[in-house]
Full PDB file with SEQRES, HELIX, SHEET, SSBOND, CRYST1, ORIGX, SCALE, CONECT and MASTER records, all heavy atoms in Angstrom:
SEQRES   1 A   38  GLN MET SER PRO GLU ILE ASP PHE GLY PRO ASP ILE ASP          
SEQRES   2 A   38  THR PRO ILE ASP GLY LEU THR SER VAL SER VAL HIS LEU          
SEQRES   3 A   38  SER TYR LEU GLN LEU ARG LEU ARG VAL PRO PRO ALA              
HELIX    1 AA1 LEU A   19  ARG A   32  1                                  14    
CRYST1    1.000    1.000    1.000  90.00  90.00  90.00 P 1           1          
ORIGX1      1.000000  0.000000  0.000000        0.00000                         
ORIGX2      0.000000  1.000000  0.000000        0.00000                         
ORIGX3      0.000000  0.000000  1.000000        0.00000                         
SCALE1      1.000000  0.000000  0.000000        0.00000                         
SCALE2      0.000000  1.000000  0.000000        0.00000                         
SCALE3      0.000000  0.000000  1.000000        0.00000                         
ATOM      1  N   GLN A   1     -17.134  25.164  22.738  1.00  0.00           N  
ATOM      2  CA  GLN A   1     -17.923  25.162  24.087  1.00  0.00           C  
ATOM      3  C   GLN A   1     -19.393  24.950  23.718  1.00  0.00           C  
ATOM      4  O   GLN A   1     -20.155  25.864  23.542  1.00  0.00           O  
ATOM      5  CB  GLN A   1     -17.637  26.434  24.785  1.00  0.00           C  
ATOM      6  CG  GLN A   1     -16.253  26.682  25.054  1.00  0.00           C  
ATOM      7  CD  GLN A   1     -15.575  25.744  25.954  1.00  0.00           C  
ATOM      8  OE1 GLN A   1     -16.266  25.228  26.951  1.00  0.00           O  
ATOM      9  NE2 GLN A   1     -14.367  25.409  25.731  1.00  0.00           N  
ATOM     10  N   MET A   2     -19.717  23.709  23.449  1.00  0.00           N  
ATOM     11  CA  MET A   2     -21.064  23.375  23.146  1.00  0.00           C  
ATOM     12  C   MET A   2     -21.953  22.929  24.305  1.00  0.00           C  
ATOM     13  O   MET A   2     -21.367  22.226  25.112  1.00  0.00           O  
ATOM     14  CB  MET A   2     -21.105  22.167  22.060  1.00  0.00           C  
ATOM     15  CG  MET A   2     -20.407  22.599  20.774  1.00  0.00           C  
ATOM     16  SD  MET A   2     -21.201  23.753  19.803  1.00  0.00           S  
ATOM     17  CE  MET A   2     -20.222  23.782  18.375  1.00  0.00           C  
ATOM     18  N   SER A   3     -23.229  23.355  24.263  1.00  0.00           N  
ATOM     19  CA  SER A   3     -24.026  22.929  25.471  1.00  0.00           C  
ATOM     20  C   SER A   3     -24.401  21.508  25.202  1.00  0.00           C  
ATOM     21  O   SER A   3     -24.612  21.008  24.108  1.00  0.00           O  
ATOM     22  CB  SER A   3     -25.240  23.884  25.328  1.00  0.00           C  
ATOM     23  OG  SER A   3     -26.305  23.331  26.247  1.00  0.00           O  
ATOM     24  N   PRO A   4     -24.480  20.708  26.375  1.00  0.00           N  
ATOM     25  CA  PRO A   4     -24.878  19.324  26.183  1.00  0.00           C  
ATOM     26  C   PRO A   4     -26.345  19.114  25.744  1.00  0.00           C  
ATOM     27  O   PRO A   4     -26.606  18.045  25.204  1.00  0.00           O  
ATOM     28  CB  PRO A   4     -24.703  18.824  27.606  1.00  0.00           C  
ATOM     29  CG  PRO A   4     -24.398  19.938  28.594  1.00  0.00           C  
ATOM     30  CD  PRO A   4     -24.240  21.151  27.682  1.00  0.00           C  
ATOM     31  N   GLU A   5     -27.195  20.256  25.787  1.00  0.00           N  
ATOM     32  CA  GLU A   5     -28.520  20.111  25.309  1.00  0.00           C  
ATOM     33  C   GLU A   5     -28.720  20.182  23.860  1.00  0.00           C  
ATOM     34  O   GLU A   5     -29.701  19.878  23.336  1.00  0.00           O  
ATOM     35  CB  GLU A   5     -29.423  21.220  26.077  1.00  0.00           C  
ATOM     36  CG  GLU A   5     -29.626  20.948  27.473  1.00  0.00           C  
ATOM     37  CD  GLU A   5     -28.598  21.739  28.297  1.00  0.00           C  
ATOM     38  OE1 GLU A   5     -28.166  22.845  27.912  1.00  0.00           O  
ATOM     39  OE2 GLU A   5     -28.322  21.245  29.343  1.00  0.00           O  
ATOM     40  N   ILE A   6     -27.693  20.611  23.166  1.00  0.00           N  
ATOM     41  CA  ILE A   6     -27.721  20.757  21.690  1.00  0.00           C  
ATOM     42  C   ILE A   6     -27.773  19.367  21.028  1.00  0.00           C  
ATOM     43  O   ILE A   6     -26.896  18.531  21.319  1.00  0.00           O  
ATOM     44  CB  ILE A   6     -26.537  21.599  21.144  1.00  0.00           C  
ATOM     45  CG1 ILE A   6     -26.556  22.958  21.686  1.00  0.00           C  
ATOM     46  CG2 ILE A   6     -26.581  21.506  19.604  1.00  0.00           C  
ATOM     47  CD1 ILE A   6     -25.306  23.795  21.192  1.00  0.00           C  
ATOM     48  N   ASP A   7     -28.708  19.158  20.299  1.00  0.00           N  
ATOM     49  CA  ASP A   7     -28.865  17.912  19.470  1.00  0.00           C  
ATOM     50  C   ASP A   7     -28.501  18.057  18.088  1.00  0.00           C  
ATOM     51  O   ASP A   7     -29.022  18.874  17.422  1.00  0.00           O  
ATOM     52  CB  ASP A   7     -30.330  17.389  19.540  1.00  0.00           C  
ATOM     53  CG  ASP A   7     -30.512  16.125  18.908  1.00  0.00           C  
ATOM     54  OD1 ASP A   7     -29.523  15.289  18.758  1.00  0.00           O  
ATOM     55  OD2 ASP A   7     -31.599  15.771  18.600  1.00  0.00           O  
ATOM     56  N   PHE A   8     -27.427  17.342  17.701  1.00  0.00           N  
ATOM     57  CA  PHE A   8     -26.870  17.422  16.332  1.00  0.00           C  
ATOM     58  C   PHE A   8     -27.424  16.382  15.458  1.00  0.00           C  
ATOM     59  O   PHE A   8     -26.920  16.123  14.394  1.00  0.00           O  
ATOM     60  CB  PHE A   8     -25.339  17.323  16.344  1.00  0.00           C  
ATOM     61  CG  PHE A   8     -24.661  18.550  16.925  1.00  0.00           C  
ATOM     62  CD1 PHE A   8     -24.086  18.522  18.253  1.00  0.00           C  
ATOM     63  CD2 PHE A   8     -24.616  19.776  16.294  1.00  0.00           C  
ATOM     64  CE1 PHE A   8     -23.578  19.592  18.827  1.00  0.00           C  
ATOM     65  CE2 PHE A   8     -23.934  20.874  16.786  1.00  0.00           C  
ATOM     66  CZ  PHE A   8     -23.479  20.777  18.069  1.00  0.00           C  
ATOM     67  N   GLY A   9     -28.466  15.682  15.843  1.00  0.00           N  
ATOM     68  CA  GLY A   9     -29.094  14.709  15.056  1.00  0.00           C  
ATOM     69  C   GLY A   9     -28.575  13.341  15.513  1.00  0.00           C  
ATOM     70  O   GLY A   9     -27.809  13.192  16.326  1.00  0.00           O  
ATOM     71  N   PRO A  10     -28.981  12.296  14.688  1.00  0.00           N  
ATOM     72  CA  PRO A  10     -28.596  10.919  15.075  1.00  0.00           C  
ATOM     73  C   PRO A  10     -27.097  10.763  14.725  1.00  0.00           C  
ATOM     74  O   PRO A  10     -26.540  11.392  13.854  1.00  0.00           O  
ATOM     75  CB  PRO A  10     -29.306  10.030  14.202  1.00  0.00           C  
ATOM     76  CG  PRO A  10     -29.871  10.943  13.070  1.00  0.00           C  
ATOM     77  CD  PRO A  10     -29.907  12.282  13.577  1.00  0.00           C  
ATOM     78  N   ASP A  11     -26.393   9.896  15.560  1.00  0.00           N  
ATOM     79  CA  ASP A  11     -24.998   9.658  15.322  1.00  0.00           C  
ATOM     80  C   ASP A  11     -24.897   8.799  14.133  1.00  0.00           C  
ATOM     81  O   ASP A  11     -25.770   7.944  13.839  1.00  0.00           O  
ATOM     82  CB  ASP A  11     -24.464   8.786  16.549  1.00  0.00           C  
ATOM     83  CG  ASP A  11     -24.331   9.622  17.840  1.00  0.00           C  
ATOM     84  OD1 ASP A  11     -24.386  10.777  17.701  1.00  0.00           O  
ATOM     85  OD2 ASP A  11     -24.258   8.992  18.895  1.00  0.00           O  
ATOM     86  N   ILE A  12     -23.880   9.088  13.348  1.00  0.00           N  
ATOM     87  CA  ILE A  12     -23.640   8.385  12.130  1.00  0.00           C  
ATOM     88  C   ILE A  12     -22.814   7.124  12.588  1.00  0.00           C  
ATOM     89  O   ILE A  12     -21.882   7.213  13.189  1.00  0.00           O  
ATOM     90  CB  ILE A  12     -22.779   9.134  11.040  1.00  0.00           C  
ATOM     91  CG1 ILE A  12     -23.704  10.301  10.777  1.00  0.00           C  
ATOM     92  CG2 ILE A  12     -22.396   8.392   9.889  1.00  0.00           C  
ATOM     93  CD1 ILE A  12     -22.953  11.408   9.868  1.00  0.00           C  
ATOM     94  N   ASP A  13     -23.328   5.877  12.289  1.00  0.00           N  
ATOM     95  CA  ASP A  13     -22.595   4.664  12.611  1.00  0.00           C  
ATOM     96  C   ASP A  13     -21.953   4.032  11.352  1.00  0.00           C  
ATOM     97  O   ASP A  13     -22.659   3.106  10.668  1.00  0.00           O  
ATOM     98  CB  ASP A  13     -23.607   3.799  13.363  1.00  0.00           C  
ATOM     99  CG  ASP A  13     -22.919   2.637  13.961  1.00  0.00           C  
ATOM    100  OD1 ASP A  13     -21.647   2.747  14.168  1.00  0.00           O  
ATOM    101  OD2 ASP A  13     -23.460   1.527  14.021  1.00  0.00           O  
ATOM    102  N   THR A  14     -20.874   4.413  10.943  1.00  0.00           N  
ATOM    103  CA  THR A  14     -20.233   3.848   9.788  1.00  0.00           C  
ATOM    104  C   THR A  14     -19.548   2.517  10.165  1.00  0.00           C  
ATOM    105  O   THR A  14     -18.700   2.593  11.098  1.00  0.00           O  
ATOM    106  CB  THR A  14     -19.197   4.834   9.153  1.00  0.00           C  
ATOM    107  OG1 THR A  14     -19.849   5.977   8.932  1.00  0.00           O  
ATOM    108  CG2 THR A  14     -18.618   4.345   7.988  1.00  0.00           C  
ATOM    109  N   PRO A  15     -19.958   1.463   9.626  1.00  0.00           N  
ATOM    110  CA  PRO A  15     -19.349   0.101   9.940  1.00  0.00           C  
ATOM    111  C   PRO A  15     -17.838   0.069   9.674  1.00  0.00           C  
ATOM    112  O   PRO A  15     -17.394   0.621   8.668  1.00  0.00           O  
ATOM    113  CB  PRO A  15     -20.260  -0.812   9.317  1.00  0.00           C  
ATOM    114  CG  PRO A  15     -20.683  -0.234   8.081  1.00  0.00           C  
ATOM    115  CD  PRO A  15     -20.923   1.308   8.449  1.00  0.00           C  
ATOM    116  N   ILE A  16     -17.225  -0.756  10.398  1.00  0.00           N  
ATOM    117  CA  ILE A  16     -15.785  -1.050  10.102  1.00  0.00           C  
ATOM    118  C   ILE A  16     -15.818  -2.498   9.463  1.00  0.00           C  
ATOM    119  O   ILE A  16     -15.990  -3.483  10.216  1.00  0.00           O  
ATOM    120  CB  ILE A  16     -14.960  -1.093  11.356  1.00  0.00           C  
ATOM    121  CG1 ILE A  16     -14.862   0.393  11.953  1.00  0.00           C  
ATOM    122  CG2 ILE A  16     -13.549  -1.540  11.133  1.00  0.00           C  
ATOM    123  CD1 ILE A  16     -14.183   0.520  13.202  1.00  0.00           C  
ATOM    124  N   ASP A  17     -15.727  -2.503   8.142  1.00  0.00           N  
ATOM    125  CA  ASP A  17     -15.881  -3.685   7.381  1.00  0.00           C  
ATOM    126  C   ASP A  17     -14.556  -4.350   6.979  1.00  0.00           C  
ATOM    127  O   ASP A  17     -14.537  -5.526   6.618  1.00  0.00           O  
ATOM    128  CB  ASP A  17     -16.736  -3.560   6.172  1.00  0.00           C  
ATOM    129  CG  ASP A  17     -18.183  -3.256   6.432  1.00  0.00           C  
ATOM    130  OD1 ASP A  17     -18.727  -3.843   7.465  1.00  0.00           O  
ATOM    131  OD2 ASP A  17     -18.837  -2.519   5.667  1.00  0.00           O  
ATOM    132  N   GLY A  18     -13.478  -3.630   7.070  1.00  0.00           N  
ATOM    133  CA  GLY A  18     -12.126  -4.174   6.614  1.00  0.00           C  
ATOM    134  C   GLY A  18     -11.249  -3.062   6.482  1.00  0.00           C  
ATOM    135  O   GLY A  18     -11.575  -1.915   6.593  1.00  0.00           O  
ATOM    136  N   LEU A  19     -10.012  -3.401   6.120  1.00  0.00           N  
ATOM    137  CA  LEU A  19      -8.942  -2.412   5.969  1.00  0.00           C  
ATOM    138  C   LEU A  19      -9.278  -1.378   4.852  1.00  0.00           C  
ATOM    139  O   LEU A  19      -9.068  -0.210   5.140  1.00  0.00           O  
ATOM    140  CB  LEU A  19      -7.641  -3.123   5.684  1.00  0.00           C  
ATOM    141  CG  LEU A  19      -6.386  -2.387   5.606  1.00  0.00           C  
ATOM    142  CD1 LEU A  19      -6.138  -1.577   6.821  1.00  0.00           C  
ATOM    143  CD2 LEU A  19      -5.203  -3.259   5.312  1.00  0.00           C  
ATOM    144  N   THR A  20      -9.818  -1.705   3.817  1.00  0.00           N  
ATOM    145  CA  THR A  20     -10.135  -0.788   2.743  1.00  0.00           C  
ATOM    146  C   THR A  20     -11.238   0.145   3.144  1.00  0.00           C  
ATOM    147  O   THR A  20     -11.091   1.360   2.999  1.00  0.00           O  
ATOM    148  CB  THR A  20     -10.485  -1.605   1.453  1.00  0.00           C  
ATOM    149  OG1 THR A  20      -9.482  -2.432   1.007  1.00  0.00           O  
ATOM    150  CG2 THR A  20     -10.825  -0.548   0.277  1.00  0.00           C  
ATOM    151  N   SER A  21     -12.277  -0.330   3.873  1.00  0.00           N  
ATOM    152  CA  SER A  21     -13.397   0.549   4.282  1.00  0.00           C  
ATOM    153  C   SER A  21     -12.984   1.475   5.391  1.00  0.00           C  
ATOM    154  O   SER A  21     -13.379   2.678   5.393  1.00  0.00           O  
ATOM    155  CB  SER A  21     -14.542  -0.247   4.742  1.00  0.00           C  
ATOM    156  OG  SER A  21     -14.344  -0.826   5.946  1.00  0.00           O  
ATOM    157  N   VAL A  22     -12.022   1.048   6.214  1.00  0.00           N  
ATOM    158  CA  VAL A  22     -11.458   1.981   7.211  1.00  0.00           C  
ATOM    159  C   VAL A  22     -10.701   3.185   6.540  1.00  0.00           C  
ATOM    160  O   VAL A  22     -10.897   4.276   6.866  1.00  0.00           O  
ATOM    161  CB  VAL A  22     -10.594   1.184   8.235  1.00  0.00           C  
ATOM    162  CG1 VAL A  22      -9.722   2.223   9.023  1.00  0.00           C  
ATOM    163  CG2 VAL A  22     -11.341   0.297   9.082  1.00  0.00           C  
ATOM    164  N   SER A  23      -9.873   2.765   5.430  1.00  0.00           N  
ATOM    165  CA  SER A  23      -9.051   3.826   4.735  1.00  0.00           C  
ATOM    166  C   SER A  23      -9.969   4.834   4.045  1.00  0.00           C  
ATOM    167  O   SER A  23      -9.740   6.001   4.080  1.00  0.00           O  
ATOM    168  CB  SER A  23      -8.096   3.126   3.836  1.00  0.00           C  
ATOM    169  OG  SER A  23      -7.182   2.328   4.526  1.00  0.00           O  
ATOM    170  N   VAL A  24     -10.969   4.299   3.423  1.00  0.00           N  
ATOM    171  CA  VAL A  24     -11.943   5.083   2.653  1.00  0.00           C  
ATOM    172  C   VAL A  24     -12.534   6.113   3.631  1.00  0.00           C  
ATOM    173  O   VAL A  24     -12.759   7.273   3.352  1.00  0.00           O  
ATOM    174  CB  VAL A  24     -13.001   4.234   1.912  1.00  0.00           C  
ATOM    175  CG1 VAL A  24     -14.222   5.068   1.422  1.00  0.00           C  
ATOM    176  CG2 VAL A  24     -12.385   3.437   0.794  1.00  0.00           C  
ATOM    177  N   HIS A  25     -13.076   5.568   4.812  1.00  0.00           N  
ATOM    178  CA  HIS A  25     -13.936   6.385   5.687  1.00  0.00           C  
ATOM    179  C   HIS A  25     -12.867   7.568   6.326  1.00  0.00           C  
ATOM    180  O   HIS A  25     -13.269   8.674   6.488  1.00  0.00           O  
ATOM    181  CB  HIS A  25     -14.730   5.612   6.675  1.00  0.00           C  
ATOM    182  CG  HIS A  25     -15.663   6.555   7.401  1.00  0.00           C  
ATOM    183  ND1 HIS A  25     -16.672   7.161   6.907  1.00  0.00           N  
ATOM    184  CD2 HIS A  25     -15.667   6.947   8.671  1.00  0.00           C  
ATOM    185  CE1 HIS A  25     -17.308   7.920   7.745  1.00  0.00           C  
ATOM    186  NE2 HIS A  25     -16.723   7.776   8.824  1.00  0.00           N  
ATOM    187  N   LEU A  26     -11.767   7.102   6.736  1.00  0.00           N  
ATOM    188  CA  LEU A  26     -10.817   8.010   7.336  1.00  0.00           C  
ATOM    189  C   LEU A  26     -10.272   9.057   6.359  1.00  0.00           C  
ATOM    190  O   LEU A  26     -10.214  10.299   6.710  1.00  0.00           O  
ATOM    191  CB  LEU A  26      -9.610   7.287   7.945  1.00  0.00           C  
ATOM    192  CG  LEU A  26      -9.935   6.561   9.188  1.00  0.00           C  
ATOM    193  CD1 LEU A  26      -8.725   5.869   9.674  1.00  0.00           C  
ATOM    194  CD2 LEU A  26     -10.575   7.366  10.349  1.00  0.00           C  
ATOM    195  N   SER A  27     -10.167   8.625   5.041  1.00  0.00           N  
ATOM    196  CA  SER A  27      -9.831   9.642   4.020  1.00  0.00           C  
ATOM    197  C   SER A  27     -10.956  10.718   3.841  1.00  0.00           C  
ATOM    198  O   SER A  27     -10.825  11.893   3.540  1.00  0.00           O  
ATOM    199  CB  SER A  27      -9.583   8.921   2.614  1.00  0.00           C  
ATOM    200  OG  SER A  27      -8.543   8.077   2.743  1.00  0.00           O  
ATOM    201  N   TYR A  28     -12.246  10.191   3.858  1.00  0.00           N  
ATOM    202  CA  TYR A  28     -13.323  10.990   3.786  1.00  0.00           C  
ATOM    203  C   TYR A  28     -13.402  12.086   4.928  1.00  0.00           C  
ATOM    204  O   TYR A  28     -13.527  13.283   4.720  1.00  0.00           O  
ATOM    205  CB  TYR A  28     -14.590  10.247   3.783  1.00  0.00           C  
ATOM    206  CG  TYR A  28     -15.835  11.012   4.048  1.00  0.00           C  
ATOM    207  CD1 TYR A  28     -16.471  11.798   3.006  1.00  0.00           C  
ATOM    208  CD2 TYR A  28     -16.509  11.151   5.326  1.00  0.00           C  
ATOM    209  CE1 TYR A  28     -17.723  12.416   3.124  1.00  0.00           C  
ATOM    210  CE2 TYR A  28     -17.591  11.798   5.432  1.00  0.00           C  
ATOM    211  CZ  TYR A  28     -18.241  12.461   4.393  1.00  0.00           C  
ATOM    212  OH  TYR A  28     -19.329  13.163   4.598  1.00  0.00           O  
ATOM    213  N   LEU A  29     -13.071  11.547   6.196  1.00  0.00           N  
ATOM    214  CA  LEU A  29     -13.121  12.584   7.214  1.00  0.00           C  
ATOM    215  C   LEU A  29     -11.917  13.453   7.223  1.00  0.00           C  
ATOM    216  O   LEU A  29     -12.070  14.652   7.512  1.00  0.00           O  
ATOM    217  CB  LEU A  29     -13.219  11.773   8.607  1.00  0.00           C  
ATOM    218  CG  LEU A  29     -14.315  10.954   8.889  1.00  0.00           C  
ATOM    219  CD1 LEU A  29     -14.294  10.089  10.148  1.00  0.00           C  
ATOM    220  CD2 LEU A  29     -15.535  11.821   9.053  1.00  0.00           C  
ATOM    221  N   GLN A  30     -10.851  13.050   6.678  1.00  0.00           N  
ATOM    222  CA  GLN A  30      -9.666  13.851   6.684  1.00  0.00           C  
ATOM    223  C   GLN A  30      -9.991  15.033   5.755  1.00  0.00           C  
ATOM    224  O   GLN A  30      -9.645  16.190   5.919  1.00  0.00           O  
ATOM    225  CB  GLN A  30      -8.461  13.030   6.156  1.00  0.00           C  
ATOM    226  CG  GLN A  30      -7.203  13.915   6.027  1.00  0.00           C  
ATOM    227  CD  GLN A  30      -6.088  13.211   5.260  1.00  0.00           C  
ATOM    228  OE1 GLN A  30      -6.450  12.421   4.302  1.00  0.00           O  
ATOM    229  NE2 GLN A  30      -4.906  13.459   5.659  1.00  0.00           N  
ATOM    230  N   LEU A  31     -10.548  14.668   4.653  1.00  0.00           N  
ATOM    231  CA  LEU A  31     -11.007  15.788   3.594  1.00  0.00           C  
ATOM    232  C   LEU A  31     -11.888  16.784   4.197  1.00  0.00           C  
ATOM    233  O   LEU A  31     -11.818  18.034   4.010  1.00  0.00           O  
ATOM    234  CB  LEU A  31     -11.450  15.157   2.320  1.00  0.00           C  
ATOM    235  CG  LEU A  31     -11.808  16.063   1.151  1.00  0.00           C  
ATOM    236  CD1 LEU A  31     -10.584  16.586   0.662  1.00  0.00           C  
ATOM    237  CD2 LEU A  31     -12.599  15.367   0.152  1.00  0.00           C  
ATOM    238  N   ARG A  32     -12.862  16.294   5.047  1.00  0.00           N  
ATOM    239  CA  ARG A  32     -13.816  17.274   5.550  1.00  0.00           C  
ATOM    240  C   ARG A  32     -13.318  18.000   6.640  1.00  0.00           C  
ATOM    241  O   ARG A  32     -13.877  19.219   6.847  1.00  0.00           O  
ATOM    242  CB  ARG A  32     -15.065  16.365   6.117  1.00  0.00           C  
ATOM    243  CG  ARG A  32     -15.895  15.646   4.992  1.00  0.00           C  
ATOM    244  CD  ARG A  32     -16.088  16.339   3.859  1.00  0.00           C  
ATOM    245  NE  ARG A  32     -16.869  15.770   2.793  1.00  0.00           N  
ATOM    246  CZ  ARG A  32     -16.403  15.239   1.646  1.00  0.00           C  
ATOM    247  NH1 ARG A  32     -15.068  15.163   1.407  1.00  0.00           N  
ATOM    248  NH2 ARG A  32     -17.225  14.731   0.792  1.00  0.00           N  
ATOM    249  N   LEU A  33     -12.193  17.655   7.260  1.00  0.00           N  
ATOM    250  CA  LEU A  33     -11.620  18.408   8.358  1.00  0.00           C  
ATOM    251  C   LEU A  33     -10.741  19.542   7.831  1.00  0.00           C  
ATOM    252  O   LEU A  33     -10.174  20.329   8.581  1.00  0.00           O  
ATOM    253  CB  LEU A  33     -10.979  17.590   9.343  1.00  0.00           C  
ATOM    254  CG  LEU A  33     -11.886  16.756  10.236  1.00  0.00           C  
ATOM    255  CD1 LEU A  33     -11.088  15.773  11.064  1.00  0.00           C  
ATOM    256  CD2 LEU A  33     -12.695  17.605  11.185  1.00  0.00           C  
ATOM    257  N   ARG A  34     -10.546  19.605   6.507  1.00  0.00           N  
ATOM    258  CA  ARG A  34      -9.654  20.735   5.919  1.00  0.00           C  
ATOM    259  C   ARG A  34     -10.366  21.958   5.738  1.00  0.00           C  
ATOM    260  O   ARG A  34      -9.816  22.869   5.061  1.00  0.00           O  
ATOM    261  CB  ARG A  34      -9.073  20.146   4.624  1.00  0.00           C  
ATOM    262  CG  ARG A  34      -8.003  19.087   4.846  1.00  0.00           C  
ATOM    263  CD  ARG A  34      -7.381  18.727   3.540  1.00  0.00           C  
ATOM    264  NE  ARG A  34      -6.425  17.650   3.790  1.00  0.00           N  
ATOM    265  CZ  ARG A  34      -6.027  16.813   2.899  1.00  0.00           C  
ATOM    266  NH1 ARG A  34      -6.651  16.900   1.681  1.00  0.00           N  
ATOM    267  NH2 ARG A  34      -5.051  15.845   3.169  1.00  0.00           N  
ATOM    268  N   VAL A  35     -11.776  22.023   6.071  1.00  0.00           N  
ATOM    269  CA  VAL A  35     -12.395  23.150   5.883  1.00  0.00           C  
ATOM    270  C   VAL A  35     -12.003  24.308   6.858  1.00  0.00           C  
ATOM    271  O   VAL A  35     -12.042  24.056   8.144  1.00  0.00           O  
ATOM    272  CB  VAL A  35     -14.082  22.867   6.099  1.00  0.00           C  
ATOM    273  CG1 VAL A  35     -14.863  24.130   6.024  1.00  0.00           C  
ATOM    274  CG2 VAL A  35     -14.400  21.812   5.103  1.00  0.00           C  
ATOM    275  N   PRO A  36     -11.684  25.450   6.484  1.00  0.00           N  
ATOM    276  CA  PRO A  36     -11.281  26.552   7.413  1.00  0.00           C  
ATOM    277  C   PRO A  36     -12.590  27.016   8.155  1.00  0.00           C  
ATOM    278  O   PRO A  36     -13.614  26.894   7.662  1.00  0.00           O  
ATOM    279  CB  PRO A  36     -10.836  27.715   6.463  1.00  0.00           C  
ATOM    280  CG  PRO A  36     -10.850  27.143   5.155  1.00  0.00           C  
ATOM    281  CD  PRO A  36     -11.498  25.867   5.126  1.00  0.00           C  
ATOM    282  N   PRO A  37     -12.484  27.518   9.466  1.00  0.00           N  
ATOM    283  CA  PRO A  37     -11.194  27.746  10.107  1.00  0.00           C  
ATOM    284  C   PRO A  37     -10.706  26.478  10.852  1.00  0.00           C  
ATOM    285  O   PRO A  37     -11.511  26.051  11.660  1.00  0.00           O  
ATOM    286  CB  PRO A  37     -11.581  28.874  11.148  1.00  0.00           C  
ATOM    287  CG  PRO A  37     -12.981  28.675  11.407  1.00  0.00           C  
ATOM    288  CD  PRO A  37     -13.521  28.086  10.070  1.00  0.00           C  
ATOM    289  N   ALA A  38      -9.602  25.950  10.547  1.00  0.00           N  
ATOM    290  CA  ALA A  38      -9.109  24.667  10.973  1.00  0.00           C  
ATOM    291  C   ALA A  38      -7.786  24.764  11.523  1.00  0.00           C  
ATOM    292  O   ALA A  38      -7.137  23.781  11.601  1.00  0.00           O  
ATOM    293  CB  ALA A  38      -9.199  23.602   9.943  1.00  0.00           C  
TER     294      ALA A  38                                                      
MASTER        0    0    0    1    0    0    0    6  293    1    0    3          
END                                                                             
């Protein structure tokens, strides 16, 4: 329940350069989402 006024900084715009880069970035995000409480 986050307030819309909260600014979390600039959006990260990771480019989609190809199949390998998509796999690399999604693997990175998957790892970061394993942090408890999850």
